Amino acid sequence: MLKVKSVRAGYGAIRALKGVSFHVNEGEIVTLIGANGAGKSTLLNTISGLVRSTAGEILLRDKPIHKMTPAQIVRQGISQSPEGRQVFASLSVRDNLILGAYPRMRSSTRAEIAQDLEHVEQLFPILKERDRQSAGTLSGGEQQMLAIGRSLMAKPRILLLDEPTMGLAPIITAEILKTVRRLRDEEGVTIVLIEQNARAALSIADRGYVLETGRVSLEGKVEELLENSEVKRAYLGKGYKEVWE
């Protein structure tokens, strides 16, 4: 469904991605794990068009998208929930969600957008309770739910999640990840997940890639990565347990 081929990208003289290749099949959860500075967020931002690639190509259903604008990429069916949530603090929860549907305002009716808004509020009931509240007054967990909900309002076929559990309490982390798995299992959303918490990411993913200094160093099914000694040493530590335990 999504293919990234030998992509290079960076910021000025800094080369953050040095020929990254990976793929995502329809209906999968694929996780990207690695240390800070490995290039994970840059990779998602390059897929989204926020960072321009300098080499390689990105294909969505065999259609090149790496020269498209971010808005065009969203309309092709890729939506991103960014690192740090980046909600519009002064706007209400409802207005934040509606802004997520902005790219499809011309192609969708008000009734369709209202239906999608109701669906997001069913996924995250706390957002319905807070719908007139300023987004900046929400807790960290509630802001993360809002960020994911806002990205879902674009009706993506592929959802890019950048550190959705960063800084959250374990009980909220488990709730967020259960919702991510539910999006895949019940609604067929394909997901690319970045998680500093490798244990949590590997608990819900189908396959994974390890990034090191802008390159893919390991890849495989979750079961294979969990048994890999280098992954255990660098990312899992001792006593691996699933996030649900």
Protein backbone atom coordinates (compact mmCIF):
# COMPACT_ATOMS: atom_id res chain seq x y z
CA MET A 1 0.00 0.00 0.00
CA LEU A 2 2.77 2.41 1.00
CA LYS A 3 6.31 2.04 -0.30
CA VAL A 4 9.28 4.18 0.67
CA LYS A 5 12.25 3.56 -1.61
CA SER A 6 15.80 4.75 -0.85
CA VAL A 7 14.58 8.06 0.54
CA ARG A 8 17.03 10.71 1.60
CA ALA A 9 15.98 13.86 3.42
CA GLY A 10 17.18 16.32 6.00
CA TYR A 11 17.39 19.88 7.23
CA GLY A 12 19.95 22.02 5.44
CA ALA A 13 23.32 20.33 5.75
CA ILE A 14 21.95 17.74 8.17
CA ARG A 15 21.14 14.44 6.45
CA ALA A 16 18.54 12.82 8.69
CA LEU A 17 17.51 10.04 6.28
CA LYS A 18 20.23 8.24 4.36
CA GLY A 19 18.46 5.96 1.93
CA VAL A 20 15.54 4.58 3.96
CA SER A 21 13.36 1.88 2.42
CA PHE A 22 10.32 0.23 3.99
CA HIS A 23 6.81 -0.79 3.08
CA VAL A 24 3.40 -1.03 4.72
CA ASN A 25 0.74 -3.49 3.60
CA GLU A 26 -2.92 -2.60 3.75
CA GLY A 27 -4.43 -3.31 7.17
CA GLU A 28 -1.11 -3.53 8.99
CA ILE A 29 0.27 -1.76 12.02
CA VAL A 30 3.94 -1.17 11.30
CA THR A 31 6.13 0.34 13.99
CA LEU A 32 9.36 2.28 13.62
CA ILE A 33 11.60 2.12 16.66
CA GLY A 34 14.96 3.67 17.35
CA ALA A 35 16.85 6.08 19.57
CA ASN A 36 16.26 9.83 19.59
CA GLY A 37 17.80 11.33 16.48
CA ALA A 38 17.51 8.15 14.44
CA GLY A 39 15.28 9.87 11.86
CA LYS A 40 11.88 8.45 12.81
CA SER A 41 9.95 11.73 12.94
CA THR A 42 11.76 13.03 9.87
CA LEU A 43 10.62 9.92 8.01
CA LEU A 44 6.95 10.51 8.89
CA ASN A 45 7.27 14.21 8.04
CA THR A 46 8.79 13.28 4.68
CA ILE A 47 5.92 10.90 3.92
CA SER A 48 3.51 13.73 4.83
CA GLY A 49 5.32 16.22 2.61
CA LEU A 50 6.36 18.47 5.49
CA VAL A 51 10.00 17.65 4.73
CA ARG A 52 11.06 17.33 1.10
CA SER A 53 13.01 14.26 0.07
CA THR A 54 16.22 14.87 -1.88
CA ALA A 55 16.36 11.38 -3.39
CA GLY A 56 14.26 8.23 -3.64
CA GLU A 57 10.51 7.96 -3.99
CA ILE A 58 7.38 7.42 -1.93
CA LEU A 59 4.49 5.51 -3.48
CA LEU A 60 0.90 5.18 -2.31
CA ARG A 61 -0.78 2.32 -4.17
CA ASP A 62 2.05 2.62 -6.73
CA LYS A 63 1.31 6.33 -7.25
CA PRO A 64 4.23 8.71 -6.55
CA ILE A 65 3.39 11.23 -3.82
CA HIS A 66 6.82 12.56 -2.83
CA LYS A 67 6.46 15.67 -5.00
CA MET A 68 2.97 16.50 -3.76
CA THR A 69 2.17 19.23 -1.23
CA PRO A 70 1.11 18.22 2.30
CA ALA A 71 -2.50 19.16 1.50
CA GLN A 72 -2.47 16.97 -1.62
CA ILE A 73 -1.03 14.07 0.36
CA VAL A 74 -3.79 14.36 2.95
CA ARG A 75 -6.34 14.24 0.15
CA GLN A 76 -4.67 11.07 -1.16
CA GLY A 77 -5.50 9.43 2.18
CA ILE A 78 -2.51 9.93 4.50
CA SER A 79 -3.04 11.78 7.76
CA GLN A 80 -0.56 12.43 10.57
CA SER A 81 -0.95 12.90 14.31
CA PRO A 82 2.23 14.84 15.11
CA GLU A 83 4.75 14.51 17.89
CA GLY A 84 3.86 16.81 20.77
CA ARG A 85 0.13 16.79 19.87
CA GLN A 86 0.18 20.37 18.48
CA VAL A 87 -3.45 21.10 19.23
CA PHE A 88 -4.77 24.62 18.68
CA ALA A 89 -4.79 25.62 22.34
CA SER A 90 -7.12 28.63 22.11
CA LEU A 91 -9.77 26.81 20.05
CA SER A 92 -12.42 24.49 21.42
CA VAL A 93 -12.15 20.73 21.21
CA ARG A 94 -14.91 20.69 18.61
CA ASP A 95 -13.23 23.34 16.46
CA ASN A 96 -9.94 21.42 16.58
CA LEU A 97 -11.74 18.32 15.31
CA ILE A 98 -13.57 20.18 12.57
CA LEU A 99 -10.29 21.67 11.37
CA GLY A 100 -9.10 18.11 10.81
CA ALA A 101 -11.79 17.79 8.15
CA TYR A 102 -10.73 20.98 6.35
CA PRO A 103 -9.05 19.18 3.37
CA ARG A 104 -12.34 17.49 2.53
CA MET A 105 -14.70 20.43 3.05
CA ARG A 106 -15.38 20.67 -0.69
CA SER A 107 -15.90 16.96 -1.21
CA SER A 108 -17.98 16.12 1.87
CA THR A 109 -21.34 17.36 3.05
CA ARG A 110 -21.93 18.92 6.45
CA ALA A 111 -23.92 15.84 7.38
CA GLU A 112 -20.97 13.57 6.54
CA ILE A 113 -18.57 15.68 8.59
CA ALA A 114 -21.02 15.76 11.49
CA GLN A 115 -21.29 11.97 11.31
CA ASP A 116 -17.49 11.63 11.40
CA LEU A 117 -17.33 14.03 14.34
CA GLU A 118 -19.81 11.87 16.20
CA HIS A 119 -17.76 8.79 15.40
CA VAL A 120 -14.56 10.33 16.79
CA GLU A 121 -16.41 11.30 19.94
CA GLN A 122 -17.55 7.70 20.28
CA LEU A 123 -13.94 6.54 20.03
CA PHE A 124 -12.89 9.12 22.63
CA PRO A 125 -15.95 9.89 24.81
CA ILE A 126 -14.03 12.42 26.90
CA LEU A 127 -13.83 14.67 23.83
CA LYS A 128 -17.61 14.88 23.69
CA GLU A 129 -17.69 15.86 27.36
CA ARG A 130 -15.07 18.55 26.71
CA ASP A 131 -16.30 19.65 23.31
CA ARG A 132 -16.75 23.36 24.22
CA GLN A 133 -13.61 23.47 26.34
CA SER A 134 -10.42 25.13 25.09
CA ALA A 135 -7.98 22.49 23.89
CA GLY A 136 -5.15 24.07 25.86
CA THR A 137 -6.91 23.29 29.14
CA LEU A 138 -7.06 19.54 28.49
CA SER A 139 -4.78 17.05 30.20
CA GLY A 140 -1.90 15.54 28.22
CA GLY A 141 -3.83 12.34 27.59
CA GLU A 142 -6.93 14.24 26.48
CA GLN A 143 -4.84 16.38 24.12
CA GLN A 144 -3.38 13.22 22.60
CA MET A 145 -6.85 11.82 22.03
CA LEU A 146 -7.79 15.12 20.41
CA ALA A 147 -4.72 15.03 18.14
CA ILE A 148 -5.55 11.52 16.98
CA GLY A 149 -9.22 12.40 16.58
CA ARG A 150 -8.33 15.46 14.52
CA SER A 151 -6.21 13.34 12.16
CA LEU A 152 -9.07 10.85 11.79
CA MET A 153 -11.40 13.62 10.65
CA ALA A 154 -9.48 13.63 7.36
CA LYS A 155 -10.77 10.07 6.74
CA PRO A 156 -7.29 8.61 6.17
CA ARG A 157 -6.49 5.24 4.63
CA ILE A 158 -3.10 5.46 6.35
CA LEU A 159 -2.66 7.05 9.77
CA LEU A 160 0.82 8.17 10.83
CA LEU A 161 1.21 8.32 14.61
CA ASP A 162 4.27 10.07 16.04
CA GLU A 163 4.87 9.23 19.72
CA PRO A 164 1.18 8.98 20.73
CA THR A 165 1.98 7.87 24.29
CA MET A 166 4.85 10.26 25.02
CA GLY A 167 4.68 11.51 28.60
CA LEU A 168 1.45 9.72 29.42
CA ALA A 169 0.60 7.63 32.47
CA PRO A 170 0.57 3.82 31.91
CA ILE A 171 -3.23 3.57 32.15
CA ILE A 172 -3.67 6.26 29.47
CA THR A 173 -0.95 4.68 27.34
CA ALA A 174 -2.86 1.38 27.39
CA GLU A 175 -6.12 3.16 26.46
CA ILE A 176 -4.50 4.98 23.52
CA LEU A 177 -2.88 1.81 22.18
CA LYS A 178 -6.08 -0.21 22.51
CA THR A 179 -7.82 2.45 20.42
CA VAL A 180 -5.04 2.28 17.82
CA ARG A 181 -5.48 -1.46 17.53
CA ARG A 182 -9.24 -1.03 17.36
CA LEU A 183 -8.85 1.39 14.44
CA ARG A 184 -6.99 -1.31 12.55
CA ASP A 185 -9.09 -4.29 13.62
CA GLU A 186 -12.57 -2.80 13.36
CA GLU A 187 -12.19 -0.01 10.81
CA GLY A 188 -9.38 -1.21 8.57
CA VAL A 189 -7.14 1.82 9.05
CA THR A 190 -3.52 1.10 8.12
CA ILE A 191 -1.15 2.54 10.71
CA VAL A 192 2.50 3.57 10.87
CA LEU A 193 3.49 4.00 14.50
CA ILE A 194 6.52 5.70 16.02
CA GLU A 195 7.00 4.89 19.69
CA GLN A 196 9.89 5.54 22.03
CA ASN A 197 8.26 2.87 24.20
CA ALA A 198 9.32 -0.13 22.12
CA ARG A 199 7.56 -2.56 24.43
CA ALA A 200 4.24 -0.85 23.83
CA ALA A 201 4.75 -0.52 20.09
CA LEU A 202 5.70 -4.16 19.60
CA SER A 203 2.69 -5.24 21.65
CA ILE A 204 0.26 -4.05 18.99
CA ALA A 205 2.25 -4.05 15.72
CA ASP A 206 2.44 -6.69 13.00
CA ARG A 207 5.92 -5.80 11.76
CA GLY A 208 8.65 -3.40 12.72
CA TYR A 209 11.71 -1.56 11.48
CA VAL A 210 14.63 -0.36 13.58
CA LEU A 211 16.17 2.94 12.50
CA GLU A 212 19.71 3.89 13.43
CA THR A 213 21.24 7.21 12.33
CA GLY A 214 19.01 7.58 9.31
CA ARG A 215 19.13 3.99 8.07
CA VAL A 216 17.07 0.83 8.57
CA SER A 217 19.27 -1.56 10.53
CA LEU A 218 16.73 -4.32 11.25
CA GLU A 219 13.29 -5.32 10.05
CA GLY A 220 10.92 -8.21 10.56
CA LYS A 221 7.77 -9.52 12.12
CA VAL A 222 7.19 -8.52 15.73
CA GLU A 223 7.95 -12.04 16.94
CA GLU A 224 11.33 -11.95 15.20
CA LEU A 225 12.25 -8.55 16.62
CA LEU A 226 11.25 -9.59 20.13
CA GLU A 227 13.70 -12.49 19.92
CA ASN A 228 16.51 -10.44 18.42
CA SER A 229 19.30 -9.98 20.95
CA GLU A 230 20.21 -6.49 19.70
CA VAL A 231 16.60 -5.28 19.99
CA LYS A 232 16.35 -6.76 23.48
CA ARG A 233 19.58 -5.12 24.58
CA ALA A 234 18.99 -1.69 23.06
CA TYR A 235 15.24 -1.20 23.31
CA LEU A 236 13.53 -3.74 25.57
CA GLY A 237 15.84 -4.27 28.51
CA LYS A 238 15.04 -7.07 30.90
CA GLY A 239 11.70 -8.61 31.63
CA TYR A 240 9.73 -7.73 28.51
CA LYS A 241 5.98 -7.65 29.17
CA GLU A 242 3.12 -6.68 26.97
CA VAL A 243 1.52 -3.32 27.70
CA TRP A 244 -1.76 -5.08 28.48
CA GLU A 245 -0.39 -6.98 31.45
